[in-house]
N, C-alpha and C. Protein backbone atom coordinates (compact mmCIF):
# COMPACT_ATOMS: atom_id res chain seq x y z
N MET A 1 118.57 54.91 142.38
CA MET A 1 118.52 53.74 141.53
C MET A 1 117.15 53.08 141.66
N ALA A 2 116.65 52.61 140.58
CA ALA A 2 115.33 51.99 140.59
C ALA A 2 115.40 50.61 141.24
N GLU A 3 114.41 50.33 142.03
CA GLU A 3 114.32 49.03 142.69
C GLU A 3 113.61 48.05 141.78
N PRO A 4 113.92 46.76 141.91
CA PRO A 4 113.19 45.77 141.09
C PRO A 4 111.69 45.87 141.33
N ARG A 5 110.95 45.73 140.28
CA ARG A 5 109.51 45.89 140.34
C ARG A 5 108.87 44.69 141.03
N ALA A 6 107.92 44.96 141.88
CA ALA A 6 107.22 43.89 142.57
C ALA A 6 106.26 43.20 141.62
N ARG A 7 106.09 41.93 141.79
CA ARG A 7 105.20 41.17 140.91
C ARG A 7 103.74 41.54 141.12
N ALA A 8 103.38 41.96 142.32
CA ALA A 8 101.99 42.29 142.62
C ALA A 8 101.56 43.58 141.93
N ALA A 9 102.50 44.43 141.51
CA ALA A 9 102.17 45.69 140.88
C ALA A 9 101.67 45.50 139.45
N ARG A 10 101.79 44.32 138.93
CA ARG A 10 101.37 44.05 137.56
C ARG A 10 99.85 43.94 137.48
N HIS A 11 99.29 44.49 136.46
CA HIS A 11 97.83 44.47 136.30
C HIS A 11 97.36 43.06 135.97
N LYS A 12 96.23 42.72 136.54
CA LYS A 12 95.67 41.40 136.27
C LYS A 12 95.17 41.34 134.83
N GLY A 13 95.47 40.24 134.16
CA GLY A 13 94.99 40.03 132.81
C GLY A 13 95.83 40.70 131.74
N GLN A 14 96.78 41.55 132.11
CA GLN A 14 97.60 42.22 131.12
C GLN A 14 98.69 41.25 130.65
N MET A 15 98.69 41.01 129.34
CA MET A 15 99.71 40.12 128.78
C MET A 15 100.47 40.89 127.71
N ASN A 16 101.79 40.85 127.82
CA ASN A 16 102.63 41.62 126.91
C ASN A 16 103.01 40.86 125.64
N PHE A 17 103.15 39.55 125.73
CA PHE A 17 103.66 38.77 124.61
C PHE A 17 102.72 37.64 124.22
N ALA A 18 101.43 37.82 124.38
CA ALA A 18 100.47 36.73 124.20
C ALA A 18 100.50 36.16 122.78
N ALA A 19 100.43 37.00 121.78
CA ALA A 19 100.38 36.51 120.40
C ALA A 19 101.67 35.78 120.03
N GLU A 20 102.81 36.35 120.41
CA GLU A 20 104.10 35.74 120.08
C GLU A 20 104.25 34.40 120.80
N LEU A 21 103.81 34.34 122.06
CA LEU A 21 103.95 33.11 122.83
C LEU A 21 103.03 32.01 122.30
N ARG A 22 101.85 32.37 121.83
CA ARG A 22 100.97 31.36 121.23
C ARG A 22 101.64 30.73 120.01
N LEU A 23 102.21 31.59 119.17
CA LEU A 23 102.89 31.08 117.98
C LEU A 23 104.12 30.26 118.35
N LEU A 24 104.83 30.69 119.38
CA LEU A 24 106.01 29.96 119.83
C LEU A 24 105.62 28.58 120.35
N LEU A 25 104.56 28.51 121.13
CA LEU A 25 104.09 27.23 121.65
C LEU A 25 103.64 26.30 120.52
N LEU A 26 102.97 26.86 119.52
CA LEU A 26 102.55 26.04 118.39
C LEU A 26 103.75 25.55 117.59
N ALA A 27 104.76 26.41 117.44
CA ALA A 27 105.94 26.05 116.67
C ALA A 27 106.72 24.92 117.35
N TYR A 28 106.75 24.94 118.67
CA TYR A 28 107.49 23.92 119.40
C TYR A 28 106.62 22.72 119.77
N GLY A 29 105.42 22.64 119.24
CA GLY A 29 104.58 21.47 119.41
C GLY A 29 103.95 21.35 120.77
N ASP A 30 103.34 22.41 121.24
CA ASP A 30 102.64 22.36 122.51
C ASP A 30 101.54 21.31 122.44
N PRO A 31 101.54 20.37 123.39
CA PRO A 31 100.50 19.33 123.33
C PRO A 31 99.13 19.94 123.65
N SER A 32 98.23 19.77 122.74
CA SER A 32 96.88 20.30 122.90
C SER A 32 96.04 19.35 123.74
N PRO A 33 95.07 19.86 124.52
CA PRO A 33 94.22 18.96 125.29
C PRO A 33 93.36 18.07 124.39
N HIS A 34 93.08 18.52 123.18
CA HIS A 34 92.29 17.74 122.23
C HIS A 34 93.17 17.46 121.02
N PRO A 35 93.60 16.22 120.84
CA PRO A 35 94.48 15.91 119.70
C PRO A 35 93.84 16.20 118.35
N SER A 36 92.52 16.15 118.28
CA SER A 36 91.87 16.42 117.00
C SER A 36 91.76 17.91 116.71
N PHE A 37 92.02 18.77 117.71
CA PHE A 37 91.89 20.21 117.54
C PHE A 37 93.13 20.92 118.08
N PRO A 38 94.27 20.83 117.36
CA PRO A 38 95.53 21.37 117.88
C PRO A 38 95.81 22.82 117.50
N SER A 39 94.78 23.66 117.39
CA SER A 39 95.02 25.01 116.87
C SER A 39 95.45 26.02 117.93
N GLU A 40 95.02 25.89 119.16
CA GLU A 40 95.31 26.91 120.18
C GLU A 40 95.88 26.28 121.45
N PRO A 41 96.94 26.86 122.03
CA PRO A 41 97.41 26.38 123.33
C PRO A 41 96.46 26.84 124.44
N LEU A 42 96.60 26.22 125.58
CA LEU A 42 95.73 26.59 126.71
C LEU A 42 96.01 28.02 127.15
N PRO A 43 94.97 28.79 127.47
CA PRO A 43 95.18 30.18 127.91
C PRO A 43 96.00 30.28 129.19
N GLU A 44 95.88 29.28 130.07
CA GLU A 44 96.67 29.30 131.31
C GLU A 44 98.16 29.15 131.01
N THR A 45 98.48 28.30 130.02
CA THR A 45 99.88 28.11 129.63
C THR A 45 100.45 29.42 129.09
N VAL A 46 99.71 30.09 128.25
CA VAL A 46 100.16 31.36 127.66
C VAL A 46 100.33 32.41 128.75
N ARG A 47 99.38 32.45 129.71
CA ARG A 47 99.45 33.45 130.78
C ARG A 47 100.67 33.23 131.67
N VAL A 48 100.92 31.98 132.06
CA VAL A 48 102.07 31.69 132.92
C VAL A 48 103.38 31.97 132.19
N LEU A 49 103.46 31.56 130.94
CA LEU A 49 104.68 31.81 130.16
C LEU A 49 104.89 33.31 129.95
N ASP A 50 103.81 34.06 129.77
CA ASP A 50 103.91 35.51 129.62
C ASP A 50 104.46 36.14 130.90
N GLU A 51 104.00 35.69 132.06
CA GLU A 51 104.52 36.21 133.33
C GLU A 51 106.01 35.92 133.47
N ILE A 52 106.41 34.71 133.11
CA ILE A 52 107.82 34.33 133.21
C ILE A 52 108.68 35.20 132.31
N VAL A 53 108.24 35.38 131.07
CA VAL A 53 109.01 36.18 130.11
C VAL A 53 109.06 37.64 130.55
N THR A 54 107.94 38.17 131.02
CA THR A 54 107.90 39.57 131.47
C THR A 54 108.82 39.78 132.66
N ASP A 55 108.79 38.85 133.62
CA ASP A 55 109.69 38.97 134.77
C ASP A 55 111.16 38.90 134.35
N PHE A 56 111.45 38.01 133.41
CA PHE A 56 112.83 37.89 132.93
C PHE A 56 113.30 39.19 132.28
N VAL A 57 112.48 39.75 131.42
CA VAL A 57 112.84 40.99 130.72
C VAL A 57 113.04 42.12 131.73
N LEU A 58 112.14 42.23 132.70
CA LEU A 58 112.26 43.28 133.71
C LEU A 58 113.54 43.12 134.54
N GLU A 59 113.83 41.90 134.96
CA GLU A 59 115.04 41.67 135.75
C GLU A 59 116.30 41.96 134.95
N MET A 60 116.30 41.60 133.66
CA MET A 60 117.46 41.90 132.81
C MET A 60 117.64 43.41 132.67
N CYS A 61 116.56 44.13 132.48
CA CYS A 61 116.64 45.59 132.35
C CYS A 61 117.12 46.23 133.64
N HIS A 62 116.64 45.74 134.76
CA HIS A 62 117.09 46.29 136.04
C HIS A 62 118.57 45.98 136.29
N GLY A 63 118.99 44.77 135.93
CA GLY A 63 120.41 44.42 136.07
C GLY A 63 121.29 45.30 135.20
N ALA A 64 120.86 45.54 133.96
CA ALA A 64 121.62 46.40 133.06
C ALA A 64 121.62 47.84 133.58
N ALA A 65 120.49 48.29 134.14
CA ALA A 65 120.42 49.65 134.69
C ALA A 65 121.32 49.80 135.90
N GLN A 66 121.43 48.76 136.72
CA GLN A 66 122.33 48.82 137.88
C GLN A 66 123.78 48.93 137.43
N TYR A 67 124.15 48.18 136.39
CA TYR A 67 125.52 48.27 135.91
C TYR A 67 125.79 49.64 135.29
N ALA A 68 124.81 50.20 134.59
CA ALA A 68 124.97 51.55 134.01
C ALA A 68 125.13 52.57 135.12
N ALA A 69 124.35 52.44 136.19
CA ALA A 69 124.47 53.37 137.32
C ALA A 69 125.83 53.22 138.00
N TYR A 70 126.31 52.00 138.11
CA TYR A 70 127.63 51.76 138.69
C TYR A 70 128.72 52.42 137.84
N SER A 71 128.50 52.44 136.53
CA SER A 71 129.44 53.08 135.61
C SER A 71 129.20 54.58 135.48
N ARG A 72 128.28 55.10 136.29
CA ARG A 72 127.93 56.53 136.32
C ARG A 72 127.39 57.03 134.97
N ARG A 73 126.49 56.24 134.41
CA ARG A 73 125.81 56.62 133.18
C ARG A 73 124.32 56.60 133.39
N GLN A 74 123.62 57.49 132.73
CA GLN A 74 122.16 57.54 132.81
C GLN A 74 121.52 56.59 131.80
N LYS A 75 122.17 56.43 130.65
CA LYS A 75 121.60 55.61 129.59
C LYS A 75 122.16 54.19 129.66
N ILE A 76 121.33 53.25 129.30
CA ILE A 76 121.74 51.85 129.27
C ILE A 76 122.26 51.54 127.87
N LYS A 77 123.40 50.86 127.82
CA LYS A 77 124.00 50.47 126.55
C LYS A 77 123.88 48.96 126.38
N VAL A 78 124.21 48.50 125.18
CA VAL A 78 124.16 47.07 124.88
C VAL A 78 125.15 46.32 125.77
N ASP A 79 126.29 46.92 126.04
CA ASP A 79 127.29 46.27 126.89
C ASP A 79 126.76 46.03 128.31
N ASP A 80 125.84 46.85 128.76
CA ASP A 80 125.24 46.64 130.08
C ASP A 80 124.44 45.34 130.11
N PHE A 81 123.73 45.05 129.02
CA PHE A 81 123.00 43.79 128.94
C PHE A 81 123.96 42.61 128.85
N ARG A 82 125.05 42.78 128.12
CA ARG A 82 126.07 41.73 128.08
C ARG A 82 126.60 41.45 129.48
N PHE A 83 126.86 42.51 130.23
CA PHE A 83 127.37 42.34 131.58
C PHE A 83 126.33 41.65 132.46
N ALA A 84 125.05 42.00 132.29
CA ALA A 84 124.00 41.38 133.09
C ALA A 84 123.87 39.88 132.77
N LEU A 85 124.23 39.48 131.55
CA LEU A 85 124.14 38.08 131.14
C LEU A 85 125.46 37.33 131.28
N ARG A 86 126.46 37.93 131.90
CA ARG A 86 127.80 37.36 131.92
C ARG A 86 127.86 35.99 132.60
N ARG A 87 126.94 35.69 133.50
CA ARG A 87 126.97 34.42 134.23
C ARG A 87 126.19 33.30 133.52
N ASP A 88 125.52 33.64 132.42
CA ASP A 88 124.77 32.64 131.66
C ASP A 88 125.38 32.54 130.26
N PRO A 89 126.31 31.61 130.06
CA PRO A 89 127.03 31.57 128.77
C PRO A 89 126.13 31.29 127.57
N ASN A 90 125.06 30.52 127.75
CA ASN A 90 124.16 30.23 126.62
C ASN A 90 123.46 31.50 126.14
N LYS A 91 122.91 32.26 127.06
CA LYS A 91 122.20 33.48 126.68
C LYS A 91 123.18 34.54 126.17
N LEU A 92 124.33 34.64 126.82
CA LEU A 92 125.33 35.60 126.37
C LEU A 92 125.82 35.26 124.97
N GLY A 93 126.04 33.99 124.70
CA GLY A 93 126.47 33.57 123.37
C GLY A 93 125.42 33.89 122.32
N ARG A 94 124.16 33.69 122.66
CA ARG A 94 123.08 33.99 121.71
C ARG A 94 123.00 35.49 121.44
N VAL A 95 123.15 36.29 122.48
CA VAL A 95 123.13 37.75 122.29
C VAL A 95 124.29 38.19 121.41
N GLN A 96 125.47 37.64 121.67
CA GLN A 96 126.63 38.01 120.86
C GLN A 96 126.46 37.56 119.41
N GLU A 97 125.86 36.40 119.21
CA GLU A 97 125.60 35.93 117.85
C GLU A 97 124.62 36.85 117.13
N LEU A 98 123.57 37.27 117.82
CA LEU A 98 122.59 38.17 117.20
C LEU A 98 123.21 39.53 116.88
N LEU A 99 124.06 40.03 117.77
CA LEU A 99 124.73 41.31 117.50
C LEU A 99 125.69 41.20 116.32
N ARG A 100 126.39 40.06 116.23
CA ARG A 100 127.31 39.85 115.10
C ARG A 100 126.52 39.78 113.80
N MET A 101 125.38 39.06 113.81
CA MET A 101 124.55 38.97 112.61
C MET A 101 124.01 40.34 112.21
N GLU A 102 123.63 41.14 113.18
CA GLU A 102 123.14 42.49 112.88
C GLU A 102 124.22 43.33 112.22
N ARG A 103 125.44 43.24 112.75
CA ARG A 103 126.56 43.98 112.18
C ARG A 103 126.86 43.53 110.75
N GLU A 104 126.82 42.20 110.51
CA GLU A 104 127.05 41.68 109.16
C GLU A 104 125.96 42.13 108.20
N LEU A 105 124.72 42.16 108.67
CA LEU A 105 123.63 42.63 107.81
C LEU A 105 123.79 44.10 107.45
N LYS A 106 124.23 44.91 108.41
CA LYS A 106 124.47 46.33 108.12
C LYS A 106 125.55 46.49 107.07
N GLU A 107 126.64 45.71 107.22
CA GLU A 107 127.73 45.79 106.24
C GLU A 107 127.27 45.31 104.87
N ALA A 108 126.45 44.26 104.84
CA ALA A 108 125.95 43.74 103.56
C ALA A 108 125.02 44.76 102.90
N ARG A 109 124.16 45.42 103.70
CA ARG A 109 123.29 46.46 103.13
C ARG A 109 124.12 47.61 102.57
N LYS A 110 125.16 47.98 103.30
CA LYS A 110 126.02 49.07 102.86
C LYS A 110 126.71 48.70 101.55
N ALA A 111 127.24 47.48 101.48
CA ALA A 111 127.89 47.02 100.26
C ALA A 111 126.90 46.92 99.12
N PHE A 112 125.69 46.47 99.41
CA PHE A 112 124.65 46.35 98.39
C PHE A 112 124.28 47.73 97.85
N ASP A 113 124.14 48.71 98.74
CA ASP A 113 123.83 50.07 98.30
C ASP A 113 124.95 50.63 97.44
N GLN A 114 126.19 50.36 97.81
CA GLN A 114 127.32 50.83 97.01
C GLN A 114 127.32 50.15 95.65
N ASN A 115 126.99 48.86 95.60
CA ASN A 115 126.93 48.15 94.32
C ASN A 115 125.81 48.71 93.46
N ASP A 116 124.67 49.04 94.07
CA ASP A 116 123.58 49.64 93.31
C ASP A 116 124.01 50.96 92.71
N ASP A 117 124.74 51.77 93.48
CA ASP A 117 125.23 53.04 92.97
C ASP A 117 126.19 52.82 91.81
N GLN A 118 127.08 51.83 91.94
CA GLN A 118 128.03 51.55 90.88
C GLN A 118 127.33 51.02 89.65
N VAL A 119 126.35 50.15 89.83
CA VAL A 119 125.60 49.63 88.69
C VAL A 119 124.84 50.76 88.01
N GLY A 120 124.26 51.65 88.80
CA GLY A 120 123.56 52.81 88.22
C GLY A 120 124.51 53.69 87.44
N ASN A 121 125.72 53.90 87.96
CA ASN A 121 126.71 54.71 87.25
C ASN A 121 127.14 54.01 85.97
N LEU A 122 127.30 52.68 86.01
CA LEU A 122 127.67 51.95 84.80
C LEU A 122 126.56 52.02 83.76
N LYS A 123 125.31 51.92 84.20
CA LYS A 123 124.19 52.01 83.26
C LYS A 123 124.16 53.40 82.62
N ASP A 124 124.38 54.44 83.43
CA ASP A 124 124.40 55.79 82.88
C ASP A 124 125.54 55.95 81.88
N ALA A 125 126.71 55.40 82.21
CA ALA A 125 127.86 55.50 81.31
C ALA A 125 127.59 54.74 80.02
N SER A 126 126.99 53.55 80.10
CA SER A 126 126.71 52.78 78.89
C SER A 126 125.66 53.49 78.03
N LYS A 127 124.68 54.15 78.67
CA LYS A 127 123.70 54.91 77.90
C LYS A 127 124.37 56.05 77.15
N LYS A 128 125.30 56.73 77.83
CA LYS A 128 126.02 57.82 77.18
C LYS A 128 126.85 57.32 76.02
N GLU A 129 127.50 56.17 76.21
CA GLU A 129 128.30 55.59 75.12
C GLU A 129 127.42 55.24 73.93
N LEU A 130 126.25 54.65 74.20
CA LEU A 130 125.34 54.31 73.11
C LEU A 130 124.84 55.56 72.41
N GLU A 131 124.58 56.61 73.17
CA GLU A 131 124.15 57.86 72.55
C GLU A 131 125.28 58.44 71.70
N ASP A 132 126.51 58.35 72.20
CA ASP A 132 127.65 58.86 71.44
C ASP A 132 127.83 58.06 70.15
N LEU A 133 127.66 56.74 70.21
CA LEU A 133 127.76 55.91 69.01
C LEU A 133 126.65 56.26 68.04
N GLY A 134 125.47 56.48 68.54
CA GLY A 134 124.34 56.86 67.68
C GLY A 134 124.56 58.23 67.08
N ASP A 135 125.19 59.13 67.82
CA ASP A 135 125.45 60.47 67.31
C ASP A 135 126.56 60.46 66.28
N GLY A 136 127.42 59.45 66.27
CA GLY A 136 128.52 59.38 65.30
C GLY A 136 128.00 59.30 63.88
N ALA A 137 126.94 58.58 63.64
CA ALA A 137 126.37 58.46 62.31
C ALA A 137 125.66 59.74 61.91
N ASP A 138 125.10 60.41 62.88
CA ASP A 138 124.35 61.64 62.61
C ASP A 138 125.18 62.86 62.99
N SER A 139 126.50 62.76 62.90
CA SER A 139 127.33 63.85 63.37
C SER A 139 127.16 65.11 62.52
N LYS A 140 126.79 64.96 61.24
CA LYS A 140 126.59 66.13 60.39
C LYS A 140 125.39 66.93 60.87
N LYS A 141 124.37 66.25 61.33
CA LYS A 141 123.16 66.93 61.78
C LYS A 141 123.41 67.65 63.10
N SER A 142 124.18 67.03 63.99
CA SER A 142 124.30 67.58 65.32
C SER A 142 125.38 68.64 65.44
N LYS A 143 126.22 68.81 64.43
CA LYS A 143 127.25 69.85 64.53
C LYS A 143 126.61 71.22 64.49
N GLY A 144 127.07 72.05 65.35
CA GLY A 144 126.56 73.41 65.37
C GLY A 144 125.30 73.57 66.19
N LYS A 145 124.64 72.49 66.51
CA LYS A 145 123.44 72.58 67.32
C LYS A 145 123.81 72.33 68.77
N GLY A 146 123.05 72.88 69.64
CA GLY A 146 123.30 72.66 71.06
C GLY A 146 123.88 73.90 71.70
N LYS A 147 123.97 73.85 73.01
CA LYS A 147 124.42 75.00 73.77
C LYS A 147 125.92 74.96 73.92
N ARG A 148 126.57 76.05 73.67
CA ARG A 148 128.01 76.13 73.89
C ARG A 148 128.27 76.45 75.34
N THR A 149 129.37 75.91 75.84
CA THR A 149 129.73 76.21 77.22
C THR A 149 130.45 77.55 77.25
N ALA A 150 130.18 78.30 78.28
CA ALA A 150 130.80 79.62 78.41
C ALA A 150 132.27 79.47 78.76
N ARG A 151 133.10 80.32 78.18
CA ARG A 151 134.52 80.29 78.47
C ARG A 151 134.81 81.12 79.70
N ARG A 152 135.93 80.76 80.32
CA ARG A 152 136.38 81.59 81.44
C ARG A 152 136.90 82.91 80.90
N ASP A 153 136.92 83.91 81.73
CA ASP A 153 137.40 85.22 81.30
C ASP A 153 138.84 85.16 80.83
N SER A 154 139.68 84.43 81.56
CA SER A 154 141.10 84.36 81.18
C SER A 154 141.27 83.63 79.86
N ASP A 155 140.50 82.55 79.63
CA ASP A 155 140.59 81.82 78.38
C ASP A 155 140.08 82.67 77.22
N ALA A 156 139.03 83.41 77.44
CA ALA A 156 138.44 84.22 76.38
C ALA A 156 139.40 85.31 75.94
N THR A 157 140.10 85.93 76.86
CA THR A 157 141.01 87.00 76.47
C THR A 157 142.21 86.47 75.73
N GLU A 158 142.73 85.30 76.15
CA GLU A 158 143.88 84.74 75.45
C GLU A 158 143.52 84.35 74.03
N ASP A 159 142.37 83.69 73.84
CA ASP A 159 141.96 83.26 72.50
C ASP A 159 141.70 84.45 71.59
N THR A 160 141.09 85.48 72.11
CA THR A 160 140.78 86.62 71.25
C THR A 160 142.04 87.37 70.86
N THR A 161 143.02 87.44 71.75
CA THR A 161 144.25 88.15 71.38
C THR A 161 145.04 87.38 70.35
N VAL A 162 145.07 86.06 70.47
CA VAL A 162 145.79 85.23 69.50
C VAL A 162 145.11 85.30 68.17
N SER A 163 143.80 85.21 68.15
CA SER A 163 143.09 85.23 66.87
C SER A 163 143.21 86.60 66.21
N LYS A 164 143.27 87.71 66.98
CA LYS A 164 143.45 89.02 66.40
C LYS A 164 144.82 89.16 65.79
N LYS A 165 145.83 88.58 66.43
CA LYS A 165 147.21 88.66 65.88
C LYS A 165 147.30 87.89 64.59
N ARG A 166 146.65 86.73 64.52
CA ARG A 166 146.69 85.92 63.30
C ARG A 166 146.01 86.65 62.16
N LYS A 167 144.91 87.30 62.47
CA LYS A 167 144.18 87.99 61.40
C LYS A 167 144.97 89.20 60.90
N THR A 168 145.64 89.88 61.80
CA THR A 168 146.36 91.07 61.38
C THR A 168 147.72 90.74 60.81
N GLY A 169 148.29 89.65 61.23
CA GLY A 169 149.67 89.33 60.88
C GLY A 169 149.82 88.59 59.65
């Protein structure tokens, strides 16, 4: 089983979530050192917050991996993360809410795709109906033109025998 990663093993200056954390700090109103220039948070703030987030993600992954190993599985599942968050109801609730929203979005996409297929089929059917209505006026022109469908062998023999009897009889 993998041991939790030591903090000292992390490379100096490596930041995993710097851009996202800058935007997050700006969105939540990070107080800037210069009120007239509120465009960027302090680099130290971003660095410390990045370390905290990275440590949290690593610890969550290790906790989920420990539960997967306890369950005698090599792969980590979503339920392993739920189990790792079982003692924090706020985070667990948020994870469950996000998973529920993802499931609803999948169902909505599936329903939308089915509706698109049905709308496409209705459009094709309406085009055929319009063509049939247009052909009704020009039915004299279109008779006899076009490809005939081939008959089955059994149908062809029955029709030919009946027509021969009528002609001879």
